[in-house]
Amino acid sequence: QFGCFEFLIDQRQLLHQGKHVRLRPREFDL
């Protein structure tokens, strides 16, 4: 958890301000 960003590692998903954000795999890793 970093401020309004939360990384769901196992699901490889990003939450921004509580909402799911679609990212490419490399964007998520970066």
Full PDB file with SEQRES, HELIX, SHEET, SSBOND, CRYST1, ORIGX, SCALE, CONECT and MASTER records, all heavy atoms in Angstrom:
SEQRES   1 A   30  GLN PHE GLY CYS PHE GLU PHE LEU ILE ASP GLN ARG GLN          
SEQRES   2 A   30  LEU LEU HIS GLN GLY LYS HIS VAL ARG LEU ARG PRO ARG          
SEQRES   3 A   30  GLU PHE ASP LEU                                              
HELIX    1 AA1 PRO A   25  ASP A   29  1                                   5    
SHEET    1 AA1 3 PHE A   5  LEU A   8  0                                        
SHEET    2 AA1 3 GLN A  13  HIS A  16 -1                                        
SHEET    3 AA1 3 LYS A  19  VAL A  21 -1                                        
CRYST1    1.000    1.000    1.000  90.00  90.00  90.00 P 1           1          
ORIGX1      1.000000  0.000000  0.000000        0.00000                         
ORIGX2      0.000000  1.000000  0.000000        0.00000                         
ORIGX3      0.000000  0.000000  1.000000        0.00000                         
SCALE1      1.000000  0.000000  0.000000        0.00000                         
SCALE2      0.000000  1.000000  0.000000        0.00000                         
SCALE3      0.000000  0.000000  1.000000        0.00000                         
ATOM      1  N   GLN A   1       0.853  -1.193   0.000  1.00  0.00           N  
ATOM      2  CA  GLN A   1       0.000   0.000   0.000  1.00  0.00           C  
ATOM      3  C   GLN A   1       0.887   1.240   0.000  1.00  0.00           C  
ATOM      4  O   GLN A   1       1.771   1.399   0.842  1.00  0.00           O  
ATOM      5  CB  GLN A   1      -0.887   0.024   1.250  1.00  0.00           C  
ATOM      6  CG  GLN A   1      -1.828   1.212   1.309  1.00  0.00           C  
ATOM      7  CD  GLN A   1      -3.231   0.854   0.855  1.00  0.00           C  
ATOM      8  OE1 GLN A   1      -3.691  -0.260   1.063  1.00  0.00           O  
ATOM      9  NE2 GLN A   1      -3.914   1.785   0.248  1.00  0.00           N  
ATOM     10  N   PHE A   2       0.654   2.115  -0.972  1.00  0.00           N  
ATOM     11  CA  PHE A   2       1.423   3.347  -1.104  1.00  0.00           C  
ATOM     12  C   PHE A   2       0.446   4.491  -1.374  1.00  0.00           C  
ATOM     13  O   PHE A   2       0.067   4.733  -2.531  1.00  0.00           O  
ATOM     14  CB  PHE A   2       2.438   3.247  -2.241  1.00  0.00           C  
ATOM     15  CG  PHE A   2       3.369   2.059  -2.118  1.00  0.00           C  
ATOM     16  CD1 PHE A   2       2.998   0.824  -2.634  1.00  0.00           C  
ATOM     17  CD2 PHE A   2       4.590   2.176  -1.476  1.00  0.00           C  
ATOM     18  CE1 PHE A   2       3.835  -0.266  -2.526  1.00  0.00           C  
ATOM     19  CE2 PHE A   2       5.432   1.081  -1.355  1.00  0.00           C  
ATOM     20  CZ  PHE A   2       5.050  -0.150  -1.883  1.00  0.00           C  
ATOM     21  N   GLY A   3       0.011   5.157  -0.320  1.00  0.00           N  
ATOM     22  CA  GLY A   3      -0.967   6.223  -0.497  1.00  0.00           C  
ATOM     23  C   GLY A   3      -2.254   5.684  -1.092  1.00  0.00           C  
ATOM     24  O   GLY A   3      -2.860   4.741  -0.566  1.00  0.00           O  
ATOM     25  N   CYS A   4      -2.662   6.267  -2.218  1.00  0.00           N  
ATOM     26  CA  CYS A   4      -3.909   5.836  -2.863  1.00  0.00           C  
ATOM     27  C   CYS A   4      -3.701   4.656  -3.807  1.00  0.00           C  
ATOM     28  O   CYS A   4      -4.621   4.247  -4.514  1.00  0.00           O  
ATOM     29  CB  CYS A   4      -4.548   7.004  -3.605  1.00  0.00           C  
ATOM     30  SG  CYS A   4      -3.504   7.736  -4.883  1.00  0.00           S  
ATOM     31  N   PHE A   5      -2.494   4.097  -3.825  1.00  0.00           N  
ATOM     32  CA  PHE A   5      -2.199   2.942  -4.677  1.00  0.00           C  
ATOM     33  C   PHE A   5      -2.069   1.690  -3.815  1.00  0.00           C  
ATOM     34  O   PHE A   5      -1.371   1.694  -2.804  1.00  0.00           O  
ATOM     35  CB  PHE A   5      -0.894   3.147  -5.454  1.00  0.00           C  
ATOM     36  CG  PHE A   5      -0.944   4.258  -6.460  1.00  0.00           C  
ATOM     37  CD1 PHE A   5      -0.583   5.548  -6.102  1.00  0.00           C  
ATOM     38  CD2 PHE A   5      -1.342   4.013  -7.764  1.00  0.00           C  
ATOM     39  CE1 PHE A   5      -0.624   6.580  -7.022  1.00  0.00           C  
ATOM     40  CE2 PHE A   5      -1.388   5.036  -8.699  1.00  0.00           C  
ATOM     41  CZ  PHE A   5      -1.021   6.324  -8.330  1.00  0.00           C  
ATOM     42  N   GLU A   6      -2.755   0.625  -4.223  1.00  0.00           N  
ATOM     43  CA  GLU A   6      -2.618  -0.659  -3.543  1.00  0.00           C  
ATOM     44  C   GLU A   6      -2.375  -1.750  -4.574  1.00  0.00           C  
ATOM     45  O   GLU A   6      -3.136  -1.899  -5.537  1.00  0.00           O  
ATOM     46  CB  GLU A   6      -3.863  -0.999  -2.729  1.00  0.00           C  
ATOM     47  CG  GLU A   6      -3.724  -2.325  -1.977  1.00  0.00           C  
ATOM     48  CD  GLU A   6      -4.942  -2.669  -1.149  1.00  0.00           C  
ATOM     49  OE1 GLU A   6      -5.915  -1.871  -1.153  1.00  0.00           O  
ATOM     50  OE2 GLU A   6      -4.945  -3.742  -0.508  1.00  0.00           O  
ATOM     51  N   PHE A   7      -1.291  -2.508  -4.382  1.00  0.00           N  
ATOM     52  CA  PHE A   7      -0.934  -3.572  -5.305  1.00  0.00           C  
ATOM     53  C   PHE A   7      -1.401  -4.918  -4.747  1.00  0.00           C  
ATOM     54  O   PHE A   7      -1.041  -5.289  -3.626  1.00  0.00           O  
ATOM     55  CB  PHE A   7       0.580  -3.609  -5.520  1.00  0.00           C  
ATOM     56  CG  PHE A   7       1.110  -2.414  -6.257  1.00  0.00           C  
ATOM     57  CD1 PHE A   7       1.413  -1.239  -5.574  1.00  0.00           C  
ATOM     58  CD2 PHE A   7       1.300  -2.456  -7.630  1.00  0.00           C  
ATOM     59  CE1 PHE A   7       1.910  -0.127  -6.247  1.00  0.00           C  
ATOM     60  CE2 PHE A   7       1.790  -1.348  -8.315  1.00  0.00           C  
ATOM     61  CZ  PHE A   7       2.098  -0.186  -7.616  1.00  0.00           C  
ATOM     62  N   LEU A   8      -2.203  -5.625  -5.513  1.00  0.00           N  
ATOM     63  CA  LEU A   8      -2.632  -6.978  -5.158  1.00  0.00           C  
ATOM     64  C   LEU A   8      -1.661  -7.935  -5.850  1.00  0.00           C  
ATOM     65  O   LEU A   8      -1.829  -8.269  -7.021  1.00  0.00           O  
ATOM     66  CB  LEU A   8      -4.074  -7.218  -5.608  1.00  0.00           C  
ATOM     67  CG  LEU A   8      -5.103  -6.163  -5.142  1.00  0.00           C  
ATOM     68  CD1 LEU A   8      -6.491  -6.507  -5.672  1.00  0.00           C  
ATOM     69  CD2 LEU A   8      -5.111  -6.051  -3.624  1.00  0.00           C  
ATOM     70  N   ILE A   9      -0.630  -8.337  -5.108  1.00  0.00           N  
ATOM     71  CA  ILE A   9       0.491  -9.052  -5.710  1.00  0.00           C  
ATOM     72  C   ILE A   9       0.069 -10.372  -6.345  1.00  0.00           C  
ATOM     73  O   ILE A   9       0.397 -10.657  -7.500  1.00  0.00           O  
ATOM     74  CB  ILE A   9       1.588  -9.315  -4.659  1.00  0.00           C  
ATOM     75  CG1 ILE A   9       2.010  -8.005  -3.981  1.00  0.00           C  
ATOM     76  CG2 ILE A   9       2.789  -9.997  -5.303  1.00  0.00           C  
ATOM     77  CD1 ILE A   9       2.667  -7.024  -4.893  1.00  0.00           C  
ATOM     78  N   ASP A  10      -0.660 -11.182  -5.597  1.00  0.00           N  
ATOM     79  CA  ASP A  10      -1.016 -12.510  -6.104  1.00  0.00           C  
ATOM     80  C   ASP A  10      -1.895 -12.429  -7.348  1.00  0.00           C  
ATOM     81  O   ASP A  10      -1.752 -13.212  -8.281  1.00  0.00           O  
ATOM     82  CB  ASP A  10      -1.729 -13.317  -5.021  1.00  0.00           C  
ATOM     83  CG  ASP A  10      -0.807 -13.638  -3.851  1.00  0.00           C  
ATOM     84  OD1 ASP A  10       0.424 -13.661  -4.066  1.00  0.00           O  
ATOM     85  OD2 ASP A  10      -1.308 -13.852  -2.742  1.00  0.00           O  
ATOM     86  N   GLN A  11      -2.803 -11.441  -7.368  1.00  0.00           N  
ATOM     87  CA  GLN A  11      -3.698 -11.286  -8.526  1.00  0.00           C  
ATOM     88  C   GLN A  11      -3.081 -10.425  -9.618  1.00  0.00           C  
ATOM     89  O   GLN A  11      -3.629 -10.312 -10.707  1.00  0.00           O  
ATOM     90  CB  GLN A  11      -5.025 -10.650  -8.096  1.00  0.00           C  
ATOM     91  CG  GLN A  11      -5.831 -11.483  -7.116  1.00  0.00           C  
ATOM     92  CD  GLN A  11      -5.522 -11.113  -5.664  1.00  0.00           C  
ATOM     93  OE1 GLN A  11      -4.434 -10.628  -5.364  1.00  0.00           O  
ATOM     94  NE2 GLN A  11      -6.480 -11.326  -4.780  1.00  0.00           N  
ATOM     95  N   ARG A  12      -1.913  -9.810  -9.294  1.00  0.00           N  
ATOM     96  CA  ARG A  12      -1.229  -8.894 -10.218  1.00  0.00           C  
ATOM     97  C   ARG A  12      -2.196  -7.811 -10.706  1.00  0.00           C  
ATOM     98  O   ARG A  12      -2.334  -7.556 -11.903  1.00  0.00           O  
ATOM     99  CB  ARG A  12      -0.622  -9.671 -11.387  1.00  0.00           C  
ATOM    100  CG  ARG A  12       0.522 -10.583 -10.945  1.00  0.00           C  
ATOM    101  CD  ARG A  12       1.182 -11.264 -12.118  1.00  0.00           C  
ATOM    102  NE  ARG A  12       1.733 -10.321 -13.075  1.00  0.00           N  
ATOM    103  CZ  ARG A  12       2.871  -9.640 -12.904  1.00  0.00           C  
ATOM    104  NH1 ARG A  12       3.564  -9.792 -11.792  1.00  0.00           N  
ATOM    105  NH2 ARG A  12       3.303  -8.817 -13.823  1.00  0.00           N  
ATOM    106  N   GLN A  13      -2.853  -7.180  -9.730  1.00  0.00           N  
ATOM    107  CA  GLN A  13      -3.793  -6.100 -10.023  1.00  0.00           C  
ATOM    108  C   GLN A  13      -3.444  -4.873  -9.201  1.00  0.00           C  
ATOM    109  O   GLN A  13      -2.852  -4.971  -8.114  1.00  0.00           O  
ATOM    110  CB  GLN A  13      -5.224  -6.538  -9.706  1.00  0.00           C  
ATOM    111  CG  GLN A  13      -5.740  -7.660 -10.600  1.00  0.00           C  
ATOM    112  CD  GLN A  13      -7.151  -8.073 -10.227  1.00  0.00           C  
ATOM    113  OE1 GLN A  13      -7.724  -7.598  -9.248  1.00  0.00           O  
ATOM    114  NE2 GLN A  13      -7.726  -8.984 -11.002  1.00  0.00           N  
ATOM    115  N   LEU A  14      -3.837  -3.711  -9.720  1.00  0.00           N  
ATOM    116  CA  LEU A  14      -3.596  -2.444  -9.027  1.00  0.00           C  
ATOM    117  C   LEU A  14      -4.918  -1.769  -8.706  1.00  0.00           C  
ATOM    118  O   LEU A  14      -5.807  -1.691  -9.556  1.00  0.00           O  
ATOM    119  CB  LEU A  14      -2.748  -1.513  -9.910  1.00  0.00           C  
ATOM    120  CG  LEU A  14      -2.563  -0.070  -9.395  1.00  0.00           C  
ATOM    121  CD1 LEU A  14      -1.745  -0.060  -8.105  1.00  0.00           C  
ATOM    122  CD2 LEU A  14      -1.904   0.796 -10.460  1.00  0.00           C  
ATOM    123  N   LEU A  15      -5.019  -1.299  -7.462  1.00  0.00           N  
ATOM    124  CA  LEU A  15      -6.152  -0.468  -7.068  1.00  0.00           C  
ATOM    125  C   LEU A  15      -5.664   0.969  -6.923  1.00  0.00           C  
ATOM    126  O   LEU A  15      -4.656   1.229  -6.266  1.00  0.00           O  
ATOM    127  CB  LEU A  15      -6.735  -0.932  -5.726  1.00  0.00           C  
ATOM    128  CG  LEU A  15      -7.298  -2.351  -5.648  1.00  0.00           C  
ATOM    129  CD1 LEU A  15      -7.837  -2.619  -4.244  1.00  0.00           C  
ATOM    130  CD2 LEU A  15      -8.398  -2.565  -6.681  1.00  0.00           C  
ATOM    131  N   HIS A  16      -6.363   1.878  -7.570  1.00  0.00           N  
ATOM    132  CA  HIS A  16      -6.049   3.308  -7.453  1.00  0.00           C  
ATOM    133  C   HIS A  16      -7.279   4.005  -6.908  1.00  0.00           C  
ATOM    134  O   HIS A  16      -8.331   3.996  -7.529  1.00  0.00           O  
ATOM    135  CB  HIS A  16      -5.660   3.893  -8.812  1.00  0.00           C  
ATOM    136  CG  HIS A  16      -5.315   5.346  -8.756  1.00  0.00           C  
ATOM    137  ND1 HIS A  16      -5.791   6.270  -9.663  1.00  0.00           N  
ATOM    138  CD2 HIS A  16      -4.532   6.044  -7.887  1.00  0.00           C  
ATOM    139  CE1 HIS A  16      -5.324   7.464  -9.355  1.00  0.00           C  
ATOM    140  NE2 HIS A  16      -4.562   7.360  -8.285  1.00  0.00           N  
ATOM    141  N   GLN A  17      -7.148   4.555  -5.692  1.00  0.00           N  
ATOM    142  CA  GLN A  17      -8.278   5.171  -4.996  1.00  0.00           C  
ATOM    143  C   GLN A  17      -9.430   4.173  -4.853  1.00  0.00           C  
ATOM    144  O   GLN A  17     -10.597   4.509  -5.001  1.00  0.00           O  
ATOM    145  CB  GLN A  17      -8.732   6.433  -5.728  1.00  0.00           C  
ATOM    146  CG  GLN A  17      -7.649   7.509  -5.771  1.00  0.00           C  
ATOM    147  CD  GLN A  17      -8.058   8.742  -6.533  1.00  0.00           C  
ATOM    148  OE1 GLN A  17      -8.967   8.700  -7.361  1.00  0.00           O  
ATOM    149  NE2 GLN A  17      -7.379   9.840  -6.268  1.00  0.00           N  
ATOM    150  N   GLY A  18      -9.066   2.911  -4.592  1.00  0.00           N  
ATOM    151  CA  GLY A  18     -10.040   1.859  -4.348  1.00  0.00           C  
ATOM    152  C   GLY A  18     -10.639   1.228  -5.590  1.00  0.00           C  
ATOM    153  O   GLY A  18     -11.451   0.311  -5.472  1.00  0.00           O  
ATOM    154  N   LYS A  19     -10.248   1.682  -6.760  1.00  0.00           N  
ATOM    155  CA  LYS A  19     -10.818   1.152  -7.999  1.00  0.00           C  
ATOM    156  C   LYS A  19      -9.758   0.383  -8.785  1.00  0.00           C  
ATOM    157  O   LYS A  19      -8.598   0.779  -8.835  1.00  0.00           O  
ATOM    158  CB  LYS A  19     -11.364   2.292  -8.862  1.00  0.00           C  
ATOM    159  CG  LYS A  19     -12.497   3.073  -8.195  1.00  0.00           C  
ATOM    160  CD  LYS A  19     -12.982   4.185  -9.109  1.00  0.00           C  
ATOM    161  CE  LYS A  19     -14.123   4.971  -8.458  1.00  0.00           C  
ATOM    162  NZ  LYS A  19     -14.595   6.080  -9.335  1.00  0.00           N  
ATOM    163  N   HIS A  20     -10.205  -0.717  -9.402  1.00  0.00           N  
ATOM    164  CA  HIS A  20      -9.296  -1.522 -10.212  1.00  0.00           C  
ATOM    165  C   HIS A  20      -8.833  -0.743 -11.437  1.00  0.00           C  
ATOM    166  O   HIS A  20      -9.618  -0.061 -12.092  1.00  0.00           O  
ATOM    167  CB  HIS A  20      -9.986  -2.818 -10.669  1.00  0.00           C  
ATOM    168  CG  HIS A  20     -10.099  -3.838  -9.581  1.00  0.00           C  
ATOM    169  ND1 HIS A  20      -9.097  -4.739  -9.283  1.00  0.00           N  
ATOM    170  CD2 HIS A  20     -11.097  -4.090  -8.692  1.00  0.00           C  
ATOM    171  CE1 HIS A  20      -9.471  -5.505  -8.277  1.00  0.00           C  
ATOM    172  NE2 HIS A  20     -10.688  -5.146  -7.894  1.00  0.00           N  
ATOM    173  N   VAL A  21      -7.556  -0.852 -11.715  1.00  0.00           N  
ATOM    174  CA  VAL A  21      -6.955  -0.194 -12.873  1.00  0.00           C  
ATOM    175  C   VAL A  21      -6.367  -1.266 -13.777  1.00  0.00           C  
ATOM    176  O   VAL A  21      -5.647  -2.159 -13.305  1.00  0.00           O  
ATOM    177  CB  VAL A  21      -5.841   0.780 -12.434  1.00  0.00           C  
ATOM    178  CG1 VAL A  21      -5.161   1.387 -13.658  1.00  0.00           C  
ATOM    179  CG2 VAL A  21      -6.407   1.869 -11.540  1.00  0.00           C  
ATOM    180  N   ARG A  22      -6.654  -1.189 -15.049  1.00  0.00           N  
ATOM    181  CA  ARG A  22      -6.114  -2.164 -15.995  1.00  0.00           C  
ATOM    182  C   ARG A  22      -4.696  -1.756 -16.389  1.00  0.00           C  
ATOM    183  O   ARG A  22      -4.450  -0.648 -16.848  1.00  0.00           O  
ATOM    184  CB  ARG A  22      -6.995  -2.250 -17.236  1.00  0.00           C  
ATOM    185  CG  ARG A  22      -8.377  -2.823 -16.967  1.00  0.00           C  
ATOM    186  CD  ARG A  22      -9.137  -3.054 -18.250  1.00  0.00           C  
ATOM    187  NE  ARG A  22      -8.478  -4.042 -19.105  1.00  0.00           N  
ATOM    188  CZ  ARG A  22      -8.941  -4.418 -20.304  1.00  0.00           C  
ATOM    189  NH1 ARG A  22     -10.062  -3.871 -20.774  1.00  0.00           N  
ATOM    190  NH2 ARG A  22      -8.309  -5.311 -21.013  1.00  0.00           N  
ATOM    191  N   LEU A  23      -3.768  -2.673 -16.189  1.00  0.00           N  
ATOM    192  CA  LEU A  23      -2.374  -2.436 -16.544  1.00  0.00           C  
ATOM    193  C   LEU A  23      -1.834  -3.630 -17.318  1.00  0.00           C  
ATOM    194  O   LEU A  23      -2.223  -4.774 -17.066  1.00  0.00           O  
ATOM    195  CB  LEU A  23      -1.507  -2.243 -15.288  1.00  0.00           C  
ATOM    196  CG  LEU A  23      -1.677  -0.967 -14.470  1.00  0.00           C  
ATOM    197  CD1 LEU A  23      -0.795  -1.046 -13.229  1.00  0.00           C  
ATOM    198  CD2 LEU A  23      -1.330   0.266 -15.289  1.00  0.00           C  
ATOM    199  N   ARG A  24      -0.926  -3.336 -18.222  1.00  0.00           N  
ATOM    200  CA  ARG A  24      -0.205  -4.426 -18.863  1.00  0.00           C  
ATOM    201  C   ARG A  24       0.758  -5.028 -17.843  1.00  0.00           C  
ATOM    202  O   ARG A  24       1.171  -4.360 -16.897  1.00  0.00           O  
ATOM    203  CB  ARG A  24       0.579  -3.892 -20.070  1.00  0.00           C  
ATOM    204  CG  ARG A  24      -0.301  -3.266 -21.154  1.00  0.00           C  
ATOM    205  CD  ARG A  24       0.554  -2.616 -22.222  1.00  0.00           C  
ATOM    206  NE  ARG A  24      -0.268  -1.976 -23.243  1.00  0.00           N  
ATOM    207  CZ  ARG A  24       0.224  -1.241 -24.246  1.00  0.00           C  
ATOM    208  NH1 ARG A  24       1.530  -1.052 -24.328  1.00  0.00           N  
ATOM    209  NH2 ARG A  24      -0.593  -0.706 -25.131  1.00  0.00           N  
ATOM    210  N   PRO A  25       1.130  -6.308 -18.020  1.00  0.00           N  
ATOM    211  CA  PRO A  25       2.023  -6.955 -17.047  1.00  0.00           C  
ATOM    212  C   PRO A  25       3.294  -6.158 -16.767  1.00  0.00           C  
ATOM    213  O   PRO A  25       3.702  -6.016 -15.615  1.00  0.00           O  
ATOM    214  CB  PRO A  25       2.334  -8.308 -17.702  1.00  0.00           C  
ATOM    215  CG  PRO A  25       1.116  -8.594 -18.529  1.00  0.00           C  
ATOM    216  CD  PRO A  25       0.675  -7.262 -19.066  1.00  0.00           C  
ATOM    217  N   ARG A  26       3.913  -5.622 -17.810  1.00  0.00           N  
ATOM    218  CA  ARG A  26       5.159  -4.874 -17.594  1.00  0.00           C  
ATOM    219  C   ARG A  26       4.895  -3.548 -16.900  1.00  0.00           C  
ATOM    220  O   ARG A  26       5.717  -3.072 -16.117  1.00  0.00           O  
ATOM    221  CB  ARG A  26       5.884  -4.659 -18.922  1.00  0.00           C  
ATOM    222  CG  ARG A  26       7.262  -4.037 -18.767  1.00  0.00           C  
ATOM    223  CD  ARG A  26       8.139  -4.320 -19.952  1.00  0.00           C  
ATOM    224  NE  ARG A  26       8.588  -5.698 -19.958  1.00  0.00           N  
ATOM    225  CZ  ARG A  26       9.139  -6.293 -21.013  1.00  0.00           C  
ATOM    226  NH1 ARG A  26       9.292  -5.626 -22.147  1.00  0.00           N  
ATOM    227  NH2 ARG A  26       9.543  -7.543 -20.944  1.00  0.00           N  
ATOM    228  N   GLU A  27       3.762  -2.936 -17.160  1.00  0.00           N  
ATOM    229  CA  GLU A  27       3.408  -1.701 -16.465  1.00  0.00           C  
ATOM    230  C   GLU A  27       3.218  -1.971 -14.971  1.00  0.00           C  
ATOM    231  O   GLU A  27       3.653  -1.176 -14.133  1.00  0.00           O  
ATOM    232  CB  GLU A  27       2.132  -1.106 -17.073  1.00  0.00           C  
ATOM    233  CG  GLU A  27       2.299  -0.550 -18.465  1.00  0.00           C  
ATOM    234  CD  GLU A  27       0.976  -0.074 -19.065  1.00  0.00           C  
ATOM    235  OE1 GLU A  27      -0.073  -0.644 -18.702  1.00  0.00           O  
ATOM    236  OE2 GLU A  27       1.002   0.861 -19.888  1.00  0.00           O  
ATOM    237  N   PHE A  28       2.561  -3.085 -14.660  1.00  0.00           N  
ATOM    238  CA  PHE A  28       2.374  -3.459 -13.252  1.00  0.00           C  
ATOM    239  C   PHE A  28       3.722  -3.665 -12.578  1.00  0.00           C  
ATOM    240  O   PHE A  28       3.976  -3.147 -11.482  1.00  0.00           O  
ATOM    241  CB  PHE A  28       1.537  -4.738 -13.163  1.00  0.00           C  
ATOM    242  CG  PHE A  28       1.314  -5.227 -11.759  1.00  0.00           C  
ATOM    243  CD1 PHE A  28       0.222  -4.788 -11.022  1.00  0.00           C  
ATOM    244  CD2 PHE A  28       2.197  -6.127 -11.172  1.00  0.00           C  
ATOM    245  CE1 PHE A  28       0.018  -5.230  -9.713  1.00  0.00           C  
ATOM    246  CE2 PHE A  28       2.002  -6.578  -9.872  1.00  0.00           C  
ATOM    247  CZ  PHE A  28       0.905  -6.124  -9.145  1.00  0.00           C  
ATOM    248  N   ASP A  29       4.612  -4.425 -13.216  1.00  0.00           N  
ATOM    249  CA  ASP A  29       5.925  -4.707 -12.635  1.00  0.00           C  
ATOM    250  C   ASP A  29       6.732  -3.423 -12.455  1.00  0.00           C  
ATOM    251  O   ASP A  29       7.429  -3.260 -11.444  1.00  0.00           O  
ATOM    252  CB  ASP A  29       6.698  -5.688 -13.516  1.00  0.00           C  
ATOM    253  CG  ASP A  29       6.089  -7.084 -13.522  1.00  0.00           C  
ATOM    254  OD1 ASP A  29       5.384  -7.419 -12.556  1.00  0.00           O  
ATOM    255  OD2 ASP A  29       6.312  -7.822 -14.496  1.00  0.00           O  
ATOM    256  N   LEU A  30       6.659  -2.535 -13.421  1.00  0.00           N  
ATOM    257  CA  LEU A  30       7.407  -1.284 -13.344  1.00  0.00           C  
ATOM    258  C   LEU A  30       6.916  -0.412 -12.199  1.00  0.00           C  
ATOM    259  O   LEU A  30       7.711   0.101 -11.398  1.00  0.00           O  
ATOM    260  CB  LEU A  30       7.299  -0.530 -14.675  1.00  0.00           C  
ATOM    261  CG  LEU A  30       7.966   0.848 -14.728  1.00  0.00           C  
ATOM    262  CD1 LEU A  30       9.447   0.750 -14.393  1.00  0.00           C  
ATOM    263  CD2 LEU A  30       7.758   1.481 -16.096  1.00  0.00           C  
TER     264      LEU A  30                                                      
MASTER        0    0    0    1    3    0    0    6  263    1    0    3          
END                                                                             
